[in-house]
């Protein structure tokens, strides 16, 4: 059974950091495409970052240099390290393999 479970969201001040986790069961993150998306209040879901099974990470321009996507083959998980957070990063963040989605984890950046 395929399952993706996000965690790590929360409330953080502008300039702060959070690390989101996506724990996966049912397939291997090491050989599959994985991505993070986000959906801000009142907006459509948008792509944030991705990593193919064998290739380079890709980021939306607005997070380049601030966010880092990584994966752990042993834990079968993917992570999104988010630094220098801005209020416009406020959203529910989802991980996906383009076929299955997690339930999301909420990130709020506010002073």
N, C-alpha and C. Protein backbone atom coordinates (compact mmCIF):
# COMPACT_ATOMS: atom_id res chain seq x y z
N UNK A 1 0.85 -1.19 0.00
CA UNK A 1 0.00 0.00 0.00
C UNK A 1 0.88 1.24 0.00
N UNK A 2 0.63 2.13 -0.93
CA UNK A 2 1.41 3.35 -1.04
C UNK A 2 0.89 4.37 -0.03
N UNK A 3 1.82 4.96 0.70
CA UNK A 3 1.45 5.99 1.66
C UNK A 3 2.57 7.01 1.76
N UNK A 4 2.19 8.29 1.76
CA UNK A 4 3.13 9.38 1.94
C UNK A 4 2.62 10.21 3.13
N UNK A 5 3.47 10.43 4.10
CA UNK A 5 3.07 11.15 5.30
C UNK A 5 4.04 12.30 5.54
N UNK A 6 3.52 13.52 5.43
CA UNK A 6 4.34 14.71 5.68
C UNK A 6 4.29 15.10 7.15
N UNK A 7 5.37 15.73 7.60
CA UNK A 7 5.43 16.27 8.95
C UNK A 7 6.46 17.39 8.99
N UNK A 8 6.48 18.12 10.09
CA UNK A 8 7.50 19.14 10.26
C UNK A 8 7.02 20.57 10.09
N UNK A 9 5.78 20.74 9.70
CA UNK A 9 5.27 22.09 9.54
C UNK A 9 5.06 22.77 10.89
N UNK A 10 4.74 24.06 10.81
CA UNK A 10 4.50 24.80 12.03
C UNK A 10 4.55 26.29 11.79
N UNK A 11 4.59 27.03 12.88
CA UNK A 11 4.64 28.49 12.84
C UNK A 11 6.10 28.94 13.05
N UNK A 12 6.58 29.79 12.18
CA UNK A 12 7.95 30.27 12.28
C UNK A 12 7.99 31.74 11.90
N UNK A 13 8.92 32.46 12.48
CA UNK A 13 9.06 33.88 12.17
C UNK A 13 9.79 34.05 10.84
N UNK A 14 9.57 35.17 10.17
CA UNK A 14 10.32 35.45 8.93
C UNK A 14 11.82 35.36 9.18
N UNK A 15 12.51 34.74 8.24
CA UNK A 15 13.94 34.51 8.40
C UNK A 15 14.29 33.20 9.06
N UNK A 16 13.30 32.53 9.60
CA UNK A 16 13.53 31.27 10.29
C UNK A 16 13.62 30.08 9.35
N UNK A 17 13.73 28.90 9.94
CA UNK A 17 13.90 27.67 9.18
C UNK A 17 12.95 26.58 9.66
N UNK A 18 12.60 25.71 8.74
CA UNK A 18 11.86 24.50 9.05
C UNK A 18 12.37 23.38 8.16
N UNK A 19 12.23 22.17 8.64
CA UNK A 19 12.58 21.00 7.84
C UNK A 19 11.35 20.10 7.75
N UNK A 20 10.84 19.97 6.54
CA UNK A 20 9.70 19.10 6.31
C UNK A 20 10.18 17.70 5.96
N UNK A 21 9.44 16.73 6.44
CA UNK A 21 9.74 15.33 6.14
C UNK A 21 8.57 14.69 5.43
N UNK A 22 8.88 13.76 4.55
CA UNK A 22 7.85 12.95 3.89
C UNK A 22 8.29 11.50 3.98
N UNK A 23 7.64 10.76 4.82
CA UNK A 23 7.95 9.35 5.01
C UNK A 23 7.09 8.53 4.07
N UNK A 24 7.75 7.63 3.33
CA UNK A 24 7.07 6.92 2.25
C UNK A 24 7.05 5.42 2.52
N UNK A 25 5.95 4.79 2.18
CA UNK A 25 5.85 3.34 2.19
C UNK A 25 5.19 2.90 0.88
N UNK A 26 5.56 1.71 0.42
CA UNK A 26 4.94 1.16 -0.78
C UNK A 26 5.78 1.31 -2.04
N UNK A 27 6.79 2.15 -2.01
CA UNK A 27 7.72 2.27 -3.13
C UNK A 27 9.00 2.92 -2.60
N UNK A 28 10.06 2.86 -3.40
CA UNK A 28 11.36 3.37 -2.98
C UNK A 28 11.58 4.79 -3.50
N UNK A 29 11.89 5.70 -2.61
CA UNK A 29 12.16 7.07 -3.03
C UNK A 29 13.47 7.16 -3.79
N UNK A 30 14.35 6.18 -3.58
CA UNK A 30 15.68 6.26 -4.19
C UNK A 30 15.64 6.14 -5.72
N UNK A 31 14.60 5.52 -6.26
CA UNK A 31 14.55 5.29 -7.70
C UNK A 31 13.33 5.92 -8.35
N UNK A 32 12.59 6.70 -7.60
CA UNK A 32 11.38 7.31 -8.12
C UNK A 32 11.44 8.83 -8.07
N UNK A 33 10.73 9.42 -9.00
CA UNK A 33 10.54 10.86 -8.98
C UNK A 33 9.79 11.27 -7.72
N UNK A 34 10.29 12.31 -7.05
CA UNK A 34 9.63 12.83 -5.88
C UNK A 34 9.58 14.35 -5.98
N UNK A 35 8.53 14.93 -5.45
CA UNK A 35 8.39 16.38 -5.53
C UNK A 35 7.66 16.92 -4.31
N UNK A 36 7.86 18.19 -4.09
CA UNK A 36 7.11 18.96 -3.09
C UNK A 36 6.29 20.02 -3.83
N UNK A 37 5.06 20.15 -3.42
CA UNK A 37 4.17 21.20 -3.90
C UNK A 37 3.65 21.96 -2.68
N UNK A 38 3.07 23.12 -2.93
CA UNK A 38 2.44 23.86 -1.84
C UNK A 38 1.19 24.56 -2.35
N UNK A 39 0.31 24.80 -1.41
CA UNK A 39 -0.93 25.51 -1.73
C UNK A 39 -1.17 26.57 -0.68
N UNK A 40 -1.06 27.81 -1.10
CA UNK A 40 -1.30 28.94 -0.20
C UNK A 40 -2.81 29.21 -0.11
N UNK A 41 -3.23 29.86 0.96
CA UNK A 41 -4.67 30.17 1.10
C UNK A 41 -5.21 30.93 -0.10
N UNK A 42 -6.27 30.42 -0.69
CA UNK A 42 -6.90 31.09 -1.81
C UNK A 42 -6.19 30.96 -3.14
N UNK A 43 -5.15 30.14 -3.17
CA UNK A 43 -4.39 29.98 -4.42
C UNK A 43 -4.37 28.52 -4.85
N UNK A 44 -3.96 28.31 -6.09
CA UNK A 44 -3.84 26.96 -6.59
C UNK A 44 -2.54 26.32 -6.10
N UNK A 45 -2.54 25.01 -6.13
CA UNK A 45 -1.34 24.28 -5.74
C UNK A 45 -0.23 24.57 -6.75
N UNK A 46 1.00 24.79 -6.23
CA UNK A 46 2.12 25.08 -7.12
C UNK A 46 3.31 24.19 -6.81
N UNK A 47 4.08 23.94 -7.85
CA UNK A 47 5.30 23.16 -7.72
C UNK A 47 6.33 23.94 -6.91
N UNK A 48 7.08 23.23 -6.06
CA UNK A 48 8.15 23.84 -5.28
C UNK A 48 9.51 23.27 -5.67
N UNK A 49 9.62 21.94 -5.62
CA UNK A 49 10.92 21.31 -5.87
C UNK A 49 10.70 19.86 -6.27
N UNK A 50 11.66 19.31 -7.00
CA UNK A 50 11.55 17.90 -7.39
C UNK A 50 12.93 17.29 -7.55
N UNK A 51 12.94 15.97 -7.51
CA UNK A 51 14.15 15.22 -7.78
C UNK A 51 13.75 13.95 -8.51
N UNK A 52 14.34 13.69 -9.67
CA UNK A 52 14.03 12.46 -10.38
C UNK A 52 14.76 11.28 -9.74
N UNK A 53 14.46 10.08 -10.22
CA UNK A 53 15.13 8.91 -9.66
C UNK A 53 16.63 8.99 -9.80
N UNK A 54 17.07 9.59 -10.87
CA UNK A 54 18.50 9.69 -11.12
C UNK A 54 18.77 11.00 -11.81
N UNK A 55 18.97 12.06 -11.03
CA UNK A 55 19.19 13.35 -11.66
C UNK A 55 19.28 14.47 -10.66
N UNK A 56 19.23 15.67 -11.19
CA UNK A 56 19.41 16.85 -10.38
C UNK A 56 18.09 17.35 -9.82
N UNK A 57 18.18 18.00 -8.69
CA UNK A 57 17.01 18.63 -8.12
C UNK A 57 16.62 19.86 -8.94
N UNK A 58 15.37 20.19 -8.87
CA UNK A 58 14.83 21.32 -9.60
C UNK A 58 13.96 22.13 -8.63
N UNK A 59 14.05 23.46 -8.71
CA UNK A 59 13.33 24.32 -7.78
C UNK A 59 12.61 25.42 -8.52
N UNK A 60 11.49 25.82 -7.96
CA UNK A 60 10.85 27.03 -8.46
C UNK A 60 11.76 28.21 -8.12
N UNK A 61 11.76 29.22 -8.98
CA UNK A 61 12.71 30.32 -8.83
C UNK A 61 12.61 31.00 -7.46
N UNK A 62 11.42 31.11 -6.93
CA UNK A 62 11.22 31.87 -5.70
C UNK A 62 11.85 31.21 -4.47
N UNK A 63 12.24 29.94 -4.57
CA UNK A 63 12.83 29.26 -3.42
C UNK A 63 14.29 28.88 -3.65
N UNK A 64 14.80 29.13 -4.84
CA UNK A 64 16.20 28.78 -5.13
C UNK A 64 17.14 29.49 -4.17
N UNK A 65 18.08 28.74 -3.62
CA UNK A 65 19.03 29.29 -2.67
C UNK A 65 18.52 29.29 -1.24
N UNK A 66 17.24 29.01 -1.05
CA UNK A 66 16.67 29.00 0.30
C UNK A 66 16.19 27.60 0.71
N UNK A 67 15.66 26.85 -0.25
CA UNK A 67 15.13 25.52 0.04
C UNK A 67 16.06 24.46 -0.54
N UNK A 68 16.13 23.32 0.16
CA UNK A 68 16.94 22.21 -0.31
C UNK A 68 16.15 20.91 -0.17
N UNK A 69 15.99 20.22 -1.28
CA UNK A 69 15.31 18.92 -1.27
C UNK A 69 16.37 17.83 -1.17
N UNK A 70 16.12 16.86 -0.32
CA UNK A 70 17.04 15.73 -0.20
C UNK A 70 16.24 14.46 0.08
N UNK A 71 16.90 13.32 -0.02
CA UNK A 71 16.22 12.07 0.30
C UNK A 71 17.16 11.14 1.04
N UNK A 72 16.58 10.29 1.84
CA UNK A 72 17.29 9.34 2.67
C UNK A 72 16.87 7.94 2.22
N UNK A 73 17.80 7.23 1.60
CA UNK A 73 17.46 5.91 1.07
C UNK A 73 17.18 4.90 2.19
N UNK A 74 17.86 5.06 3.31
CA UNK A 74 17.69 4.12 4.42
C UNK A 74 16.32 4.30 5.07
N UNK A 75 15.96 5.56 5.31
CA UNK A 75 14.67 5.85 5.95
C UNK A 75 13.53 5.89 4.93
N UNK A 76 13.86 5.84 3.64
CA UNK A 76 12.86 5.93 2.57
C UNK A 76 12.00 7.17 2.76
N UNK A 77 12.67 8.29 2.83
CA UNK A 77 11.99 9.55 3.07
C UNK A 77 12.61 10.65 2.23
N UNK A 78 11.86 11.69 2.01
CA UNK A 78 12.38 12.90 1.37
C UNK A 78 12.16 14.07 2.32
N UNK A 79 13.01 15.06 2.18
CA UNK A 79 12.99 16.20 3.08
C UNK A 79 13.01 17.50 2.29
N UNK A 80 12.48 18.53 2.90
CA UNK A 80 12.59 19.86 2.32
C UNK A 80 13.08 20.79 3.42
N UNK A 81 14.36 21.14 3.34
CA UNK A 81 14.94 22.09 4.28
C UNK A 81 14.61 23.49 3.77
N UNK A 82 13.95 24.26 4.61
CA UNK A 82 13.51 25.59 4.20
C UNK A 82 14.17 26.62 5.11
N UNK A 83 15.01 27.45 4.54
CA UNK A 83 15.72 28.50 5.27
C UNK A 83 15.28 29.88 4.78
N UNK A 84 15.60 30.87 5.56
CA UNK A 84 15.26 32.26 5.20
C UNK A 84 13.80 32.37 4.78
N UNK A 85 12.93 31.80 5.58
CA UNK A 85 11.51 31.76 5.23
C UNK A 85 10.90 33.16 5.18
N UNK A 86 9.95 33.30 4.26
CA UNK A 86 9.26 34.56 4.05
C UNK A 86 7.76 34.35 4.26
N UNK A 87 7.03 35.40 4.57
CA UNK A 87 5.58 35.25 4.73
C UNK A 87 4.91 34.63 3.51
N UNK A 88 5.43 34.90 2.34
CA UNK A 88 4.84 34.32 1.12
C UNK A 88 5.09 32.83 0.96
N UNK A 89 5.88 32.25 1.86
CA UNK A 89 6.07 30.79 1.86
C UNK A 89 4.95 30.09 2.65
N UNK A 90 4.10 30.86 3.28
CA UNK A 90 2.99 30.29 4.03
C UNK A 90 2.09 29.49 3.11
N UNK A 91 1.88 28.21 3.45
CA UNK A 91 1.09 27.31 2.61
C UNK A 91 1.01 25.95 3.28
N UNK A 92 0.18 25.10 2.73
CA UNK A 92 0.21 23.69 3.06
C UNK A 92 1.14 23.02 2.05
N UNK A 93 2.09 22.27 2.55
CA UNK A 93 3.09 21.63 1.71
C UNK A 93 2.78 20.14 1.58
N UNK A 94 2.87 19.66 0.34
CA UNK A 94 2.55 18.27 0.02
C UNK A 94 3.75 17.61 -0.65
N UNK A 95 3.94 16.34 -0.38
CA UNK A 95 4.91 15.58 -1.18
C UNK A 95 4.14 14.61 -2.08
N UNK A 96 4.77 14.27 -3.18
CA UNK A 96 4.12 13.44 -4.18
C UNK A 96 5.14 12.72 -5.03
N UNK A 97 4.69 11.59 -5.61
CA UNK A 97 5.49 10.92 -6.63
C UNK A 97 4.83 11.10 -8.00
N UNK A 98 3.94 12.06 -8.07
CA UNK A 98 3.13 12.39 -9.24
C UNK A 98 1.94 11.47 -9.44
N UNK A 99 1.84 10.42 -8.61
CA UNK A 99 0.68 9.53 -8.67
C UNK A 99 -0.07 9.53 -7.34
N UNK A 100 0.67 9.64 -6.27
CA UNK A 100 0.12 9.61 -4.92
C UNK A 100 0.54 10.88 -4.19
N UNK A 101 -0.34 11.30 -3.26
CA UNK A 101 -0.10 12.52 -2.50
C UNK A 101 -0.26 12.26 -1.02
N UNK A 102 0.50 13.00 -0.23
CA UNK A 102 0.30 12.98 1.20
C UNK A 102 -0.83 13.91 1.59
N UNK A 103 -1.06 14.02 2.89
CA UNK A 103 -2.16 14.84 3.39
C UNK A 103 -1.77 16.30 3.57
N UNK A 104 -0.47 16.55 3.53
CA UNK A 104 0.04 17.91 3.66
C UNK A 104 0.42 18.27 5.08
N UNK A 105 1.31 19.25 5.17
CA UNK A 105 1.70 19.80 6.47
C UNK A 105 1.71 21.32 6.33
N UNK A 106 1.14 22.00 7.30
CA UNK A 106 0.94 23.44 7.21
C UNK A 106 2.15 24.21 7.70
N UNK A 107 2.58 25.17 6.91
CA UNK A 107 3.67 26.07 7.27
C UNK A 107 3.14 27.49 7.30
N UNK A 108 3.35 28.16 8.43
CA UNK A 108 2.93 29.54 8.57
C UNK A 108 4.14 30.38 8.95
N UNK A 109 4.43 31.37 8.14
CA UNK A 109 5.56 32.27 8.38
C UNK A 109 4.99 33.63 8.75
N UNK A 110 5.14 33.99 10.01
CA UNK A 110 4.53 35.22 10.49
C UNK A 110 5.25 35.68 11.74
N UNK A 111 5.28 37.00 11.92
CA UNK A 111 5.86 37.55 13.13
C UNK A 111 4.77 37.79 14.17
